C-alpha cells in the first residue's frame, strides 16, 4: 500500500512539474494515455530514487556537507534527467530538456511530492 501511495504522489508531482515547466514534456495521445504514461514514468522515477539515489548520495556525501545540503538540488536534477533518459529508452513520452530545467523540475517534484505524502495515507 505504501508503494502505491508513493507512486501516486510521484505521478502527481511529475504532473505538476510538466504543467509548470515548459521544457518538461509529456506527449502523446489522449488524456487517458497520458495518465497511464505518467504512472509508468512515476514508477521509473520511484525505482531510480530507490536504487540509484542512495548510491549517489553516499558517493557525494562530502559535497552535501560542504554545501550544507544544497547539493540535494543537483542530485534531484540528475535523478530527473536519468528518469527522462530511461523513459526514452522504454519508449515513454516523457522528456526533460537540459540540466537547469531538471533542477527546477526536481525542486517542484520534491515540494509537491512532500506535500502529497503529507496528505495521502501511508498505512502499510
PDB file of N, CA and C in Angstrom:
ATOM      1  N   UNK A   1       0.826  -1.198   0.000  1.00  0.00           N
ATOM      2  CA  UNK A   1       0.000   0.000   0.000  1.00  0.00           C
ATOM      3  C   UNK A   1       0.870   1.262   0.000  1.00  0.00           C
ATOM      4  N   UNK A   2       1.948   1.241   0.781  1.00  0.00           N
ATOM      5  CA  UNK A   2       2.843   2.384   0.849  1.00  0.00           C
ATOM      6  C   UNK A   2       3.481   2.672  -0.510  1.00  0.00           C
ATOM      7  N   UNK A   3       3.857   1.619  -1.244  1.00  0.00           N
ATOM      8  CA  UNK A   3       4.435   1.778  -2.581  1.00  0.00           C
ATOM      9  C   UNK A   3       3.429   2.439  -3.516  1.00  0.00           C
ATOM     10  N   UNK A   4       2.173   2.041  -3.429  1.00  0.00           N
ATOM     11  CA  UNK A   4       1.121   2.615  -4.264  1.00  0.00           C
ATOM     12  C   UNK A   4       0.927   4.100  -3.955  1.00  0.00           C
ATOM     13  N   UNK A   5       0.927   4.445  -2.685  1.00  0.00           N
ATOM     14  CA  UNK A   5       0.758   5.845  -2.283  1.00  0.00           C
ATOM     15  C   UNK A   5       1.925   6.690  -2.782  1.00  0.00           C
ATOM     16  N   UNK A   6       3.141   6.184  -2.639  1.00  0.00           N
ATOM     17  CA  UNK A   6       4.310   6.925  -3.107  1.00  0.00           C
ATOM     18  C   UNK A   6       4.301   7.078  -4.626  1.00  0.00           C
ATOM     19  N   UNK A   7       3.846   6.063  -5.352  1.00  0.00           N
ATOM     20  CA  UNK A   7       3.757   6.148  -6.809  1.00  0.00           C
ATOM     21  C   UNK A   7       2.725   7.191  -7.228  1.00  0.00           C
ATOM     22  N   UNK A   8       1.599   7.224  -6.538  1.00  0.00           N
ATOM     23  CA  UNK A   8       0.568   8.227  -6.838  1.00  0.00           C
ATOM     24  C   UNK A   8       1.101   9.629  -6.535  1.00  0.00           C
ATOM     25  N   UNK A   9       1.818   9.769  -5.425  1.00  0.00           N
ATOM     26  CA  UNK A   9       2.400  11.074  -5.079  1.00  0.00           C
ATOM     27  C   UNK A   9       3.434  11.491  -6.118  1.00  0.00           C
ATOM     28  N   UNK A  10       4.274  10.556  -6.563  1.00  0.00           N
ATOM     29  CA  UNK A  10       5.261  10.865  -7.607  1.00  0.00           C
ATOM     30  C   UNK A  10       4.576  11.252  -8.904  1.00  0.00           C
ATOM     31  N   UNK A  11       3.514  10.536  -9.270  1.00  0.00           N
ATOM     32  CA  UNK A  11       2.780  10.856 -10.502  1.00  0.00           C
ATOM     33  C   UNK A  11       2.178  12.256 -10.421  1.00  0.00           C
ATOM     34  N   UNK A  12       1.603  12.584  -9.283  1.00  0.00           N
ATOM     35  CA  UNK A  12       1.046  13.924  -9.099  1.00  0.00           C
ATOM     36  C   UNK A  12       2.111  14.994  -9.162  1.00  0.00           C
ATOM     37  N   UNK A  13       3.245  14.734  -8.519  1.00  0.00           N
ATOM     38  CA  UNK A  13       4.347  15.702  -8.514  1.00  0.00           C
ATOM     39  C   UNK A  13       4.916  15.886  -9.914  1.00  0.00           C
ATOM     40  N   UNK A  14       5.074  14.795 -10.645  1.00  0.00           N
ATOM     41  CA  UNK A  14       5.563  14.897 -12.021  1.00  0.00           C
ATOM     42  C   UNK A  14       4.559  15.634 -12.908  1.00  0.00           C
ATOM     43  N   UNK A  15       3.263  15.417 -12.674  1.00  0.00           N
ATOM     44  CA  UNK A  15       2.235  16.117 -13.451  1.00  0.00           C
ATOM     45  C   UNK A  15       2.311  17.621 -13.216  1.00  0.00           C
ATOM     46  N   UNK A  16       2.533  18.023 -11.972  1.00  0.00           N
ATOM     47  CA  UNK A  16       2.671  19.450 -11.666  1.00  0.00           C
ATOM     48  C   UNK A  16       3.913  20.020 -12.346  1.00  0.00           C
ATOM     49  N   UNK A  17       5.009  19.278 -12.331  1.00  0.00           N
ATOM     50  CA  UNK A  17       6.236  19.737 -12.993  1.00  0.00           C
ATOM     51  C   UNK A  17       6.022  19.884 -14.499  1.00  0.00           C
ATOM     52  N   UNK A  18       5.327  18.922 -15.102  1.00  0.00           N
ATOM     53  CA  UNK A  18       5.028  19.005 -16.541  1.00  0.00           C
ATOM     54  C   UNK A  18       4.152  20.223 -16.820  1.00  0.00           C
ATOM     55  N   UNK A  19       3.214  20.487 -15.932  1.00  0.00           N
ATOM     56  CA  UNK A  19       2.289  21.603 -16.109  1.00  0.00           C
ATOM     57  C   UNK A  19       2.989  22.956 -15.940  1.00  0.00           C
ATOM     58  N   UNK A  20       3.931  23.057 -14.990  1.00  0.00           N
ATOM     59  CA  UNK A  20       4.556  24.340 -14.691  1.00  0.00           C
ATOM     60  C   UNK A  20       5.777  24.670 -15.543  1.00  0.00           C
ATOM     61  N   UNK A  21       6.529  23.659 -15.955  1.00  0.00           N
ATOM     62  CA  UNK A  21       7.792  23.900 -16.659  1.00  0.00           C
ATOM     63  C   UNK A  21       7.628  23.513 -18.130  1.00  0.00           C
ATOM     64  N   UNK A  22       7.850  24.492 -19.008  1.00  0.00           N
ATOM     65  CA  UNK A  22       7.641  24.272 -20.448  1.00  0.00           C
ATOM     66  C   UNK A  22       8.554  23.198 -21.034  1.00  0.00           C
ATOM     67  N   UNK A  23       9.773  23.092 -20.538  1.00  0.00           N
ATOM     68  CA  UNK A  23      10.732  22.169 -21.139  1.00  0.00           C
ATOM     69  C   UNK A  23      10.704  20.775 -20.524  1.00  0.00           C
ATOM     70  N   UNK A  24       9.735  20.509 -19.667  1.00  0.00           N
ATOM     71  CA  UNK A  24       9.460  19.148 -19.202  1.00  0.00           C
ATOM     72  C   UNK A  24       8.160  18.745 -19.889  1.00  0.00           C
ATOM     73  N   UNK A  25       8.250  17.751 -20.760  1.00  0.00           N
ATOM     74  CA  UNK A  25       7.099  17.428 -21.595  1.00  0.00           C
ATOM     75  C   UNK A  25       6.644  15.990 -21.410  1.00  0.00           C
ATOM     76  N   UNK A  26       5.356  15.822 -21.548  1.00  0.00           N
ATOM     77  CA  UNK A  26       4.710  14.517 -21.578  1.00  0.00           C
ATOM     78  C   UNK A  26       3.783  14.565 -22.783  1.00  0.00           C
ATOM     79  N   UNK A  27       4.162  13.868 -23.831  1.00  0.00           N
ATOM     80  CA  UNK A  27       3.414  13.968 -25.084  1.00  0.00           C
ATOM     81  C   UNK A  27       2.695  12.668 -25.385  1.00  0.00           C
ATOM     82  N   UNK A  28       1.836  12.759 -26.371  1.00  0.00           N
ATOM     83  CA  UNK A  28       1.234  11.555 -26.917  1.00  0.00           C
ATOM     84  C   UNK A  28      -0.174  11.276 -26.475  1.00  0.00           C
ATOM     85  N   UNK A  29      -1.076  11.376 -27.419  1.00  0.00           N
ATOM     86  CA  UNK A  29      -2.398  10.819 -27.265  1.00  0.00           C
ATOM     87  C   UNK A  29      -3.359  11.554 -26.350  1.00  0.00           C
ATOM     88  N   UNK A  30      -4.354  10.788 -25.958  1.00  0.00           N
ATOM     89  CA  UNK A  30      -5.455  11.312 -25.166  1.00  0.00           C
ATOM     90  C   UNK A  30      -5.058  11.459 -23.699  1.00  0.00           C
ATOM     91  N   UNK A  31      -5.981  12.004 -22.937  1.00  0.00           N
ATOM     92  CA  UNK A  31      -5.738  12.205 -21.508  1.00  0.00           C
ATOM     93  C   UNK A  31      -5.533  10.870 -20.794  1.00  0.00           C
ATOM     94  N   UNK A  32      -6.306   9.861 -21.167  1.00  0.00           N
ATOM     95  CA  UNK A  32      -6.160   8.544 -20.546  1.00  0.00           C
ATOM     96  C   UNK A  32      -4.795   7.932 -20.804  1.00  0.00           C
ATOM     97  N   UNK A  33      -4.306   8.085 -22.028  1.00  0.00           N
ATOM     98  CA  UNK A  33      -2.982   7.559 -22.368  1.00  0.00           C
ATOM     99  C   UNK A  33      -1.892   8.324 -21.628  1.00  0.00           C
ATOM    100  N   UNK A  34      -2.049   9.647 -21.506  1.00  0.00           N
ATOM    101  CA  UNK A  34      -1.074  10.446 -20.778  1.00  0.00           C
ATOM    102  C   UNK A  34      -1.047  10.057 -19.297  1.00  0.00           C
ATOM    103  N   UNK A  35      -2.207   9.761 -18.738  1.00  0.00           N
ATOM    104  CA  UNK A  35      -2.267   9.350 -17.335  1.00  0.00           C
ATOM    105  C   UNK A  35      -1.532   8.029 -17.133  1.00  0.00           C
ATOM    106  N   UNK A  36      -1.739   7.094 -18.035  1.00  0.00           N
ATOM    107  CA  UNK A  36      -1.031   5.814 -17.957  1.00  0.00           C
ATOM    108  C   UNK A  36       0.466   5.994 -18.108  1.00  0.00           C
ATOM    109  N   UNK A  37       0.865   6.838 -19.047  1.00  0.00           N
ATOM    110  CA  UNK A  37       2.286   7.124 -19.246  1.00  0.00           C
ATOM    111  C   UNK A  37       2.873   7.794 -18.008  1.00  0.00           C
ATOM    112  N   UNK A  38       2.121   8.711 -17.424  1.00  0.00           N
ATOM    113  CA  UNK A  38       2.588   9.407 -16.222  1.00  0.00           C
ATOM    114  C   UNK A  38       2.785   8.437 -15.064  1.00  0.00           C
ATOM    115  N   UNK A  39       1.913   7.476 -14.915  1.00  0.00           N
ATOM    116  CA  UNK A  39       2.055   6.472 -13.850  1.00  0.00           C
ATOM    117  C   UNK A  39       3.284   5.600 -14.110  1.00  0.00           C
ATOM    118  N   UNK A  40       3.505   5.222 -15.363  1.00  0.00           N
ATOM    119  CA  UNK A  40       4.704   4.440 -15.690  1.00  0.00           C
ATOM    120  C   UNK A  40       5.981   5.244 -15.442  1.00  0.00           C
ATOM    121  N   UNK A  41       5.966   6.520 -15.797  1.00  0.00           N
ATOM    122  CA  UNK A  41       7.126   7.376 -15.537  1.00  0.00           C
ATOM    123  C   UNK A  41       7.330   7.524 -14.029  1.00  0.00           C
ATOM    124  N   UNK A  42       6.242   7.625 -13.270  1.00  0.00           N
ATOM    125  CA  UNK A  42       6.354   7.712 -11.808  1.00  0.00           C
ATOM    126  C   UNK A  42       6.965   6.432 -11.235  1.00  0.00           C
ATOM    127  N   UNK A  43       6.629   5.284 -11.811  1.00  0.00           N
ATOM    128  CA  UNK A  43       7.247   4.025 -11.377  1.00  0.00           C
ATOM    129  C   UNK A  43       8.741   4.020 -11.673  1.00  0.00           C
ATOM    130  N   UNK A  44       9.113   4.479 -12.862  1.00  0.00           N
ATOM    131  CA  UNK A  44      10.536   4.561 -13.223  1.00  0.00           C
ATOM    132  C   UNK A  44      11.251   5.532 -12.284  1.00  0.00           C
ATOM    133  N   UNK A  45      10.637   6.677 -12.023  1.00  0.00           N
ATOM    134  CA  UNK A  45      11.217   7.676 -11.126  1.00  0.00           C
ATOM    135  C   UNK A  45      11.386   7.112  -9.715  1.00  0.00           C
ATOM    136  N   UNK A  46      10.394   6.367  -9.258  1.00  0.00           N
ATOM    137  CA  UNK A  46      10.485   5.734  -7.946  1.00  0.00           C
ATOM    138  C   UNK A  46      11.605   4.715  -7.873  1.00  0.00           C
ATOM    139  N   UNK A  47      11.765   3.926  -8.931  1.00  0.00           N
ATOM    140  CA  UNK A  47      12.851   2.940  -8.959  1.00  0.00           C
ATOM    141  C   UNK A  47      14.220   3.625  -9.012  1.00  0.00           C
ATOM    142  N   UNK A  48      14.326   4.695  -9.775  1.00  0.00           N
ATOM    143  CA  UNK A  48      15.581   5.442  -9.835  1.00  0.00           C
ATOM    144  C   UNK A  48      15.927   5.990  -8.449  1.00  0.00           C
ATOM    145  N   UNK A  49      14.926   6.556  -7.775  1.00  0.00           N
ATOM    146  CA  UNK A  49      15.165   7.098  -6.437  1.00  0.00           C
ATOM    147  C   UNK A  49      15.461   6.004  -5.413  1.00  0.00           C
ATOM    148  N   UNK A  50      14.908   4.827  -5.613  1.00  0.00           N
ATOM    149  CA  UNK A  50      15.139   3.717  -4.691  1.00  0.00           C
ATOM    150  C   UNK A  50      16.508   3.080  -4.894  1.00  0.00           C
ATOM    151  N   UNK A  51      16.925   2.909  -6.140  1.00  0.00           N
ATOM    152  CA  UNK A  51      18.142   2.165  -6.434  1.00  0.00           C
ATOM    153  C   UNK A  51      19.384   3.037  -6.638  1.00  0.00           C
ATOM    154  N   UNK A  52      19.245   4.137  -7.336  1.00  0.00           N
ATOM    155  CA  UNK A  52      20.409   4.937  -7.734  1.00  0.00           C
ATOM    156  C   UNK A  52      20.704   6.064  -6.745  1.00  0.00           C
ATOM    157  N   UNK A  53      19.678   6.732  -6.287  1.00  0.00           N
ATOM    158  CA  UNK A  53      19.881   7.914  -5.450  1.00  0.00           C
ATOM    159  C   UNK A  53      20.685   7.637  -4.176  1.00  0.00           C
ATOM    160  N   UNK A  54      20.442   6.536  -3.449  1.00  0.00           N
ATOM    161  CA  UNK A  54      21.266   6.298  -2.249  1.00  0.00           C
ATOM    162  C   UNK A  54      22.755   6.135  -2.565  1.00  0.00           C
ATOM    163  N   UNK A  55      23.064   5.499  -3.666  1.00  0.00           N
ATOM    164  CA  UNK A  55      24.465   5.318  -4.055  1.00  0.00           C
ATOM    165  C   UNK A  55      25.098   6.672  -4.376  1.00  0.00           C
ATOM    166  N   UNK A  56      24.387   7.499  -5.116  1.00  0.00           N
ATOM    167  CA  UNK A  56      24.892   8.827  -5.470  1.00  0.00           C
ATOM    168  C   UNK A  56      25.071   9.682  -4.216  1.00  0.00           C
ATOM    169  N   UNK A  57      24.135   9.583  -3.291  1.00  0.00           N
ATOM    170  CA  UNK A  57      24.239  10.382  -2.056  1.00  0.00           C
ATOM    171  C   UNK A  57      25.443   9.969  -1.217  1.00  0.00           C
ATOM    172  N   UNK A  58      25.714   8.670  -1.162  1.00  0.00           N
ATOM    173  CA  UNK A  58      26.883   8.207  -0.408  1.00  0.00           C
ATOM    174  C   UNK A  58      28.171   8.675  -1.076  1.00  0.00           C
ATOM    175  N   UNK A  59      28.228   8.554  -2.390  1.00  0.00           N
ATOM    176  CA  UNK A  59      29.441   8.939  -3.115  1.00  0.00           C
ATOM    177  C   UNK A  59      29.702  10.447  -3.076  1.00  0.00           C
ATOM    178  N   UNK A  60      28.646  11.228  -2.956  1.00  0.00           N
ATOM    179  CA  UNK A  60      28.808  12.684  -2.966  1.00  0.00           C
ATOM    180  C   UNK A  60      28.590  13.299  -1.583  1.00  0.00           C
ATOM    181  N   UNK A  61      28.671  12.499  -0.542  1.00  0.00           N
ATOM    182  CA  UNK A  61      28.435  12.998   0.820  1.00  0.00           C
ATOM    183  C   UNK A  61      29.281  14.229   1.180  1.00  0.00           C
ATOM    184  N   UNK A  62      30.562  14.259   0.833  1.00  0.00           N
ATOM    185  CA  UNK A  62      31.339  15.476   1.158  1.00  0.00           C
ATOM    186  C   UNK A  62      30.748  16.745   0.538  1.00  0.00           C
ATOM    187  N   UNK A  63      30.177  16.633  -0.660  1.00  0.00           N
ATOM    188  CA  UNK A  63      29.552  17.804  -1.281  1.00  0.00           C
ATOM    189  C   UNK A  63      28.285  18.223  -0.549  1.00  0.00           C
ATOM    190  N   UNK A  64      27.544  17.248  -0.008  1.00  0.00           N
ATOM    191  CA  UNK A  64      26.369  17.577   0.801  1.00  0.00           C
ATOM    192  C   UNK A  64      26.790  18.374   2.031  1.00  0.00           C
ATOM    193  N   UNK A  65      27.838  17.931   2.675  1.00  0.00           N
ATOM    194  CA  UNK A  65      28.319  18.611   3.877  1.00  0.00           C
ATOM    195  C   UNK A  65      28.858  19.994   3.517  1.00  0.00           C
ATOM    196  N   UNK A  66      29.655  20.077   2.472  1.00  0.00           N
ATOM    197  CA  UNK A  66      30.279  21.334   2.055  1.00  0.00           C
ATOM    198  C   UNK A  66      29.245  22.392   1.670  1.00  0.00           C
ATOM    199  N   UNK A  67      28.169  21.965   1.014  1.00  0.00           N
ATOM    200  CA  UNK A  67      27.148  22.909   0.547  1.00  0.00           C
ATOM    201  C   UNK A  67      25.966  23.014   1.497  1.00  0.00           C
ATOM    202  N   UNK A  68      26.088  22.398   2.670  1.00  0.00           N
ATOM    203  CA  UNK A  68      25.020  22.409   3.677  1.00  0.00           C
ATOM    204  C   UNK A  68      23.699  21.869   3.122  1.00  0.00           C
ATOM    205  N   UNK A  69      23.798  20.860   2.298  1.00  0.00           N
ATOM    206  CA  UNK A  69      22.615  20.184   1.776  1.00  0.00           C
ATOM    207  C   UNK A  69      22.092  20.703   0.456  1.00  0.00           C
ATOM    208  N   UNK A  70      22.614  21.808  -0.038  1.00  0.00           N
ATOM    209  CA  UNK A  70      22.117  22.354  -1.303  1.00  0.00           C
ATOM    210  C   UNK A  70      22.444  21.459  -2.496  1.00  0.00           C
ATOM    211  N   UNK A  71      23.426  20.593  -2.329  1.00  0.00           N
ATOM    212  CA  UNK A  71      23.760  19.665  -3.414  1.00  0.00           C
ATOM    213  C   UNK A  71      22.611  18.696  -3.690  1.00  0.00           C
ATOM    214  N   UNK A  72      21.663  18.619  -2.766  1.00  0.00           N
ATOM    215  CA  UNK A  72      20.469  17.795  -2.973  1.00  0.00           C
ATOM    216  C   UNK A  72      19.734  18.217  -4.242  1.00  0.00           C
ATOM    217  N   UNK A  73      19.736  19.516  -4.540  1.00  0.00           N
ATOM    218  CA  UNK A  73      19.086  20.001  -5.758  1.00  0.00           C
ATOM    219  C   UNK A  73      19.744  19.405  -6.999  1.00  0.00           C
ATOM    220  N   UNK A  74      21.044  19.297  -6.994  1.00  0.00           N
ATOM    221  CA  UNK A  74      21.778  18.725  -8.128  1.00  0.00           C
ATOM    222  C   UNK A  74      21.467  17.233  -8.244  1.00  0.00           C
ATOM    223  N   UNK A  75      21.461  16.535  -7.122  1.00  0.00           N
ATOM    224  CA  UNK A  75      21.162  15.095  -7.153  1.00  0.00           C
ATOM    225  C   UNK A  75      19.735  14.858  -7.641  1.00  0.00           C
ATOM    226  N   UNK A  76      18.779  15.652  -7.171  1.00  0.00           N
ATOM    227  CA  UNK A  76      17.395  15.510  -7.643  1.00  0.00           C
ATOM    228  C   UNK A  76      17.297  15.789  -9.140  1.00  0.00           C
ATOM    229  N   UNK A  77      18.040  16.778  -9.612  1.00  0.00           N
ATOM    230  CA  UNK A  77      18.048  17.078 -11.051  1.00  0.00           C
ATOM    231  C   UNK A  77      18.620  15.909 -11.838  1.00  0.00           C
ATOM    232  N   UNK A  78      19.694  15.314 -11.339  1.00  0.00           N
ATOM    233  CA  UNK A  78      20.291  14.167 -12.030  1.00  0.00           C
ATOM    234  C   UNK A  78      19.345  12.974 -12.049  1.00  0.00           C
ATOM    235  N   UNK A  79      18.587  12.771 -10.978  1.00  0.00           N
ATOM    236  CA  UNK A  79      17.623  11.663 -10.942  1.00  0.00           C
ATOM    237  C   UNK A  79      16.496  11.905 -11.949  1.00  0.00           C
ATOM    238  N   UNK A  80      16.081  13.167 -12.088  1.00  0.00           N
ATOM    239  CA  UNK A  80      15.045  13.501 -13.066  1.00  0.00           C
ATOM    240  C   UNK A  80      15.566  13.333 -14.490  1.00  0.00           C
ATOM    241  N   UNK A  81      16.815  13.715 -14.734  1.00  0.00           N
ATOM    242  CA  UNK A  81      17.413  13.512 -16.058  1.00  0.00           C
ATOM    243  C   UNK A  81      17.581  12.027 -16.368  1.00  0.00           C
ATOM    244  N   UNK A  82      17.971  11.242 -15.370  1.00  0.00           N
ATOM    245  CA  UNK A  82      18.088   9.795 -15.559  1.00  0.00           C
ATOM    246  C   UNK A  82      16.727   9.180 -15.851  1.00  0.00           C
ATOM    247  N   UNK A  83      15.702   9.652 -15.178  1.00  0.00           N
ATOM    248  CA  UNK A  83      14.341   9.177 -15.448  1.00  0.00           C
ATOM    249  C   UNK A  83      13.925   9.521 -16.869  1.00  0.00           C
ATOM    250  N   UNK A  84      14.267  10.720 -17.320  1.00  0.00           N
ATOM    251  CA  UNK A  84      13.955  11.126 -18.691  1.00  0.00           C
ATOM    252  C   UNK A  84      14.670  10.224 -19.696  1.00  0.00           C
ATOM    253  N   UNK A  85      15.929   9.917 -19.426  1.00  0.00           N
ATOM    254  CA  UNK A  85      16.700   9.052 -20.325  1.00  0.00           C
ATOM    255  C   UNK A  85      16.120   7.643 -20.357  1.00  0.00           C
ATOM    256  N   UNK A  86      15.789   7.109 -19.182  1.00  0.00           N
ATOM    257  CA  UNK A  86      15.191   5.770 -19.129  1.00  0.00           C
ATOM    258  C   UNK A  86      13.818   5.740 -19.792  1.00  0.00           C
ATOM    259  N   UNK A  87      13.042   6.815 -19.619  1.00  0.00           N
ATOM    260  CA  UNK A  87      11.731   6.893 -20.260  1.00  0.00           C
ATOM    261  C   UNK A  87      11.879   6.864 -21.779  1.00  0.00           C
ATOM    262  N   UNK A  88      12.904   7.531 -22.291  1.00  0.00           N
ATOM    263  CA  UNK A  88      13.174   7.497 -23.721  1.00  0.00           C
ATOM    264  C   UNK A  88      13.523   6.083 -24.174  1.00  0.00           C
ATOM    265  N   UNK A  89      14.343   5.384 -23.405  1.00  0.00           N
ATOM    266  CA  UNK A  89      14.725   4.006 -23.746  1.00  0.00           C
ATOM    267  C   UNK A  89      13.544   3.053 -23.655  1.00  0.00           C
ATOM    268  N   UNK A  90      12.591   3.337 -22.761  1.00  0.00           N
ATOM    269  CA  UNK A  90      11.399   2.495 -22.596  1.00  0.00           C
ATOM    270  C   UNK A  90      10.244   2.943 -23.486  1.00  0.00           C
ATOM    271  N   UNK A  91      10.510   3.905 -24.370  1.00  0.00           N
ATOM    272  CA  UNK A  91       9.528   4.443 -25.314  1.00  0.00           C
ATOM    273  C   UNK A  91       8.333   5.088 -24.602  1.00  0.00           C
ATOM    274  N   UNK A  92       8.619   5.754 -23.494  1.00  0.00           N
ATOM    275  CA  UNK A  92       7.610   6.555 -22.805  1.00  0.00           C
ATOM    276  C   UNK A  92       7.829   8.002 -23.238  1.00  0.00           C
ATOM    277  N   UNK A  93       6.760   8.731 -23.403  1.00  0.00           N
ATOM    278  CA  UNK A  93       6.865  10.074 -23.975  1.00  0.00           C
ATOM    279  C   UNK A  93       7.057  11.142 -22.902  1.00  0.00           C
ATOM    280  N   UNK A  94       8.108  11.001 -22.110  1.00  0.00           N
ATOM    281  CA  UNK A  94       8.463  11.966 -21.070  1.00  0.00           C
ATOM    282  C   UNK A  94       9.863  12.470 -21.363  1.00  0.00           C
ATOM    283  N   UNK A  95      10.041  13.800 -21.344  1.00  0.00           N
ATOM    284  CA  UNK A  95      11.356  14.345 -21.661  1.00  0.00           C
ATOM    285  C   UNK A  95      11.633  15.591 -20.822  1.00  0.00           C
ATOM    286  N   UNK A  96      12.849  15.668 -20.309  1.00  0.00           N
ATOM    287  CA  UNK A  96      13.348  16.850 -19.596  1.00  0.00           C
ATOM    288  C   UNK A  96      14.489  17.408 -20.426  1.00  0.00           C
ATOM    289  N   UNK A  97      14.366  18.676 -20.800  1.00  0.00           N
ATOM    290  CA  UNK A  97      15.346  19.297 -21.692  1.00  0.00           C
ATOM    291  C   UNK A  97      16.319  20.175 -20.908  1.00  0.00           C
ATOM    292  N   UNK A  98      17.487  19.643 -20.622  1.00  0.00           N
ATOM    293  CA  UNK A  98      18.540  20.444 -20.014  1.00  0.00           C
ATOM    294  C   UNK A  98      18.650  20.323 -18.505  1.00  0.00           C
ATOM    295  N   UNK A  99      19.852  20.646 -18.022  1.00  0.00           N
ATOM    296  CA  UNK A  99      20.158  20.498 -16.604  1.00  0.00           C
ATOM    297  C   UNK A  99      19.382  21.483 -15.742  1.00  0.00           C
ATOM    298  N   UNK A 100      19.339  22.768 -16.130  1.00  0.00           N
ATOM    299  CA  UNK A 100      18.667  23.760 -15.295  1.00  0.00           C
ATOM    300  C   UNK A 100      17.168  23.542 -15.259  1.00  0.00           C
ATOM    301  N   UNK A 101      16.619  23.030 -16.340  1.00  0.00           N
ATOM    302  CA  UNK A 101      15.219  22.638 -16.336  1.00  0.00           C
ATOM    303  C   UNK A 101      15.011  21.505 -15.337  1.00  0.00           C
ATOM    304  N   UNK A 102      15.959  20.569 -15.305  1.00  0.00           N
ATOM    305  CA  UNK A 102      15.873  19.452 -14.368  1.00  0.00           C
ATOM    306  C   UNK A 102      16.001  19.928 -12.921  1.00  0.00           C
ATOM    307  N   UNK A 103      16.831  20.949 -12.679  1.00  0.00           N
ATOM    308  CA  UNK A 103      16.950  21.493 -11.320  1.00  0.00           C
ATOM    309  C   UNK A 103      15.612  22.075 -10.874  1.00  0.00           C
ATOM    310  N   UNK A 104      15.004  22.883 -11.729  1.00  0.00           N
ATOM    311  CA  UNK A 104      13.700  23.470 -11.406  1.00  0.00           C
ATOM    312  C   UNK A 104      12.645  22.377 -11.253  1.00  0.00           C
ATOM    313  N   UNK A 105      12.637  21.425 -12.169  1.00  0.00           N
ATOM    314  CA  UNK A 105      11.685  20.319 -12.092  1.00  0.00           C
ATOM    315  C   UNK A 105      11.892  19.473 -10.850  1.00  0.00           C
ATOM    316  N   UNK A 106      13.140  19.208 -10.499  1.00  0.00           N
ATOM    317  CA  UNK A 106      13.433  18.441  -9.291  1.00  0.00           C
ATOM    318  C   UNK A 106      12.956  19.150  -8.038  1.00  0.00           C
ATOM    319  N   UNK A 107      13.110  20.466  -8.005  1.00  0.00           N
ATOM    320  CA  UNK A 107      12.629  21.253  -6.873  1.00  0.00           C
ATOM    321  C   UNK A 107      11.108  21.176  -6.771  1.00  0.00           C
ATOM    322  N   UNK A 108      10.429  21.321  -7.896  1.00  0.00           N
ATOM    323  CA  UNK A 108       8.968  21.242  -7.914  1.00  0.00           C
ATOM    324  C   UNK A 108       8.504  19.851  -7.500  1.00  0.00           C
ATOM    325  N   UNK A 109       9.123  18.814  -8.066  1.00  0.00           N
ATOM    326  CA  UNK A 109       8.741  17.444  -7.742  1.00  0.00           C
ATOM    327  C   UNK A 109       8.958  17.170  -6.252  1.00  0.00           C
ATOM    328  N   UNK A 110      10.052  17.644  -5.692  1.00  0.00           N
ATOM    329  CA  UNK A 110      10.326  17.431  -4.269  1.00  0.00           C
ATOM    330  C   UNK A 110       9.274  18.080  -3.383  1.00  0.00           C
ATOM    331  N   UNK A 111       8.935  19.323  -3.674  1.00  0.00           N
ATOM    332  CA  UNK A 111       7.965  20.053  -2.852  1.00  0.00           C
ATOM    333  C   UNK A 111       6.573  19.436  -2.970  1.00  0.00           C
ATOM    334  N   UNK A 112       6.128  19.169  -4.191  1.00  0.00           N
ATOM    335  CA  UNK A 112       4.784  18.622  -4.392  1.00  0.00           C
ATOM    336  C   UNK A 112       4.694  17.205  -3.842  1.00  0.00           C
ATOM    337  N   UNK A 113       5.727  16.403  -4.051  1.00  0.00           N
ATOM    338  CA  UNK A 113       5.735  15.040  -3.532  1.00  0.00           C
ATOM    339  C   UNK A 113       5.678  15.044  -2.009  1.00  0.00           C
ATOM    340  N   UNK A 114       6.439  15.918  -1.381  1.00  0.00           N
ATOM    341  CA  UNK A 114       6.394  16.041   0.074  1.00  0.00           C
ATOM    342  C   UNK A 114       4.989  16.409   0.548  1.00  0.00           C
ATOM    343  N   UNK A 115       4.372  17.394  -0.111  1.00  0.00           N
ATOM    344  CA  UNK A 115       3.034  17.832   0.274  1.00  0.00           C
ATOM    345  C   UNK A 115       2.013  16.708   0.087  1.00  0.00           C
ATOM    346  N   UNK A 116       2.089  15.991  -1.032  1.00  0.00           N
ATOM    347  CA  UNK A 116       1.157  14.897  -1.276  1.00  0.00           C
ATOM    348  C   UNK A 116       1.355  13.747  -0.296  1.00  0.00           C
ATOM    349  N   UNK A 117       2.601  13.457   0.059  1.00  0.00           N
ATOM    350  CA  UNK A 117       2.861  12.408   1.037  1.00  0.00           C
ATOM    351  C   UNK A 117       2.334  12.781   2.423  1.00  0.00           C
ATOM    352  N   UNK A 118       2.255  14.080   2.708  1.00  0.00           N
ATOM    353  CA  UNK A 118       1.683  14.522   3.984  1.00  0.00           C
ATOM    354  C   UNK A 118       0.163  14.325   3.999  1.00  0.00           C
ATOM    355  N   UNK A 119      -0.474  14.475   2.842  1.00  0.00           N
ATOM    356  CA  UNK A 119      -1.929  14.386   2.753  1.00  0.00           C
ATOM    357  C   UNK A 119      -2.410  12.950   2.573  1.00  0.00           C
ATOM    358  N   UNK A 120      -1.717  12.190   1.726  1.00  0.00           N
ATOM    359  CA  UNK A 120      -2.143  10.823   1.421  1.00  0.00           C
ATOM    360  C   UNK A 120      -1.832   9.893   2.601  1.00  0.00           C
ATOM    361  N   UNK A 121      -2.668   8.865   2.798  1.00  0.00           N
ATOM    362  CA  UNK A 121      -2.407   7.915   3.882  1.00  0.00           C
ATOM    363  C   UNK A 121      -1.173   7.072   3.593  1.00  0.00           C
ATOM    364  N   UNK A 122      -0.465   6.683   4.632  1.00  0.00           N
ATOM    365  CA  UNK A 122       0.746   5.889   4.433  1.00  0.00           C
ATOM    366  C   UNK A 122       0.728   4.579   5.233  1.00  0.00           C
ATOM    367  N   UNK A 123      -0.424   4.040   5.411  1.00  0.00           N
ATOM    368  CA  UNK A 123      -0.535   2.761   6.124  1.00  0.00           C
ATOM    369  C   UNK A 123       0.026   1.647   5.255  1.00  0.00           C
ATOM    370  N   UNK A 124       0.708   0.674   5.895  1.00  0.00           N
ATOM    371  CA  UNK A 124       1.245  -0.484   5.161  1.00  0.00           C
ATOM    372  C   UNK A 124       0.173  -1.508   4.893  1.00  0.00           C
TER     373      UNK A 124
END
